[in-house]
Amino acid sequence: MKFSRLNICPALVVTTLCVLSSFEGHAQSPGMVYTWNGTGNTEQWFRNFGAAGSSATLANTIPGELTVAETSGTPGASQAFSDDFNRVRELPTGPSGGLDLTGLSFLQFDIGQNGAGNISVQFFVQASTSASYVALGPDLTITPGVNTYQLPLSGLTPAQAVYVRTLGFNIRDHSGLGNVTWTVREVRSVNQTLTQRTLANFDGTVEGGLQGAIVNFDGSSVVGNTGQNQTGLSWNPAGTGSLRWTDAAGGAGGAISLGNGTAWAGNTFNNRTTDLSNYERMIVRMSATETTTAHGGSVNVQSFFQNNNFSEFLSPGTDALAIDGQYHDLEFSLNGLTDMNVIDQIGLNLGSHADELQINVDNILFVVPEPNSGILLLGGMLGLRWALRRAGKRV
């Protein structure tokens, strides 16, 4: 088997069990982003920016809590805190790049402070490859004690939602209250609205149609390729558009991969990670055409994933693609694959073939489980856990 690892460097939420309904019929795990489980680990959260002279000490001395104790020389000065730009989420710890929030509606923070009055806070992300600062709705009033606050993601563009470099909260000036201590217990994503996700349709709008695709390995089988890059790949404008390359006769078959569907921009860091957790099937629409004499037959196409900082090479299987110049839908079950919320690369690995082939990939689609499947039960169980925790029950 020819596997090779890639080496490129709106207001307060009411505590209610109604949260369960947000999981019905959807995919891509709504789930915990940070919980500060245990002690002695701030999960790389840090003071991002703030007014001159503002300062704070971050700690995790109580299981399940991040504390931010303000120590400003000018008491109550404004300052902001967020997770590390190279940290995707709490677990697993290895991946780097951006958090994928595609199709999710909200972030929720369980957060509060111990001051004698209310304090305004702006929740924010810095997203896309340019780390653009985006406020998640208007400022919210954070009351003493820990409560749940829900932040809309509707203001993010697709390129921002798929690549969140950091998320956090910007505490406004509260000099009248002086320095206070903040407690953050959880950060989570909720309310997935997609029932299917088109990762790439190669319609020409992203990166001239290549949409982040590269030759990952067995590059000698891709005519014109010079390494782990985009040489040998082109965009075919016919029809709805497709990714195209010529696969050499008698070779091992080229292996093509891509990240989250945005531009490659010279390094896979710019389009990882992708969250495809809870999607059940991968459907790839592609064609194979002999460039000289037509002999027919088929070529094997193996789907693969490189996950968790490239530490896992996973394959949902192989399907046979007819060599007839027509588009066919190849389908792969994703059941049983691990760490699908931190995918670095999504790939197609061609098997060997006797004749030179022109390959076109028209669409890569991910589909949710059928309604009432076990995954929805899992979503409901997660929702129940969050509701109980917001009601003050540690579970």
Foldseek 3Di string as FASTA:
>chain_A
DDDDFFDFDEAFDDQDLPQLVLLFLFFQDFWFQDFQADFDPLQQKDWDDFDPQWDWDWGGHDGQKIKTWTDGPLFQGKTKIKHALQAAGSPPGQHGFFAAQPQFWKKKWFKAWAWPFKWWKWKWFQFAPVRHIDTQDDIYIGGHDTGMDIGTPVPDDNRGNGTTRMIIMITHGDSVRTIIMMMIRTMTITRGDDQKDWQAQQQLPAPRSCQFKWFRDPQVQWPQDDHGGRGQWHWDNPDSIWIKTKGAFQGFFTKMKGERRHHNVPGLSNRWDAGRGQFWKKKWKKAKEFPPDDDKDWKKKWKWWQFRNSPDIDTQGIDTHIHDGHIDIDMGTPPPDPRNSTTSIIMIGIGHHRGIIMMTIRTIMTGHDDGPDPVSVVSSVSSVQVSCVSVVHHD
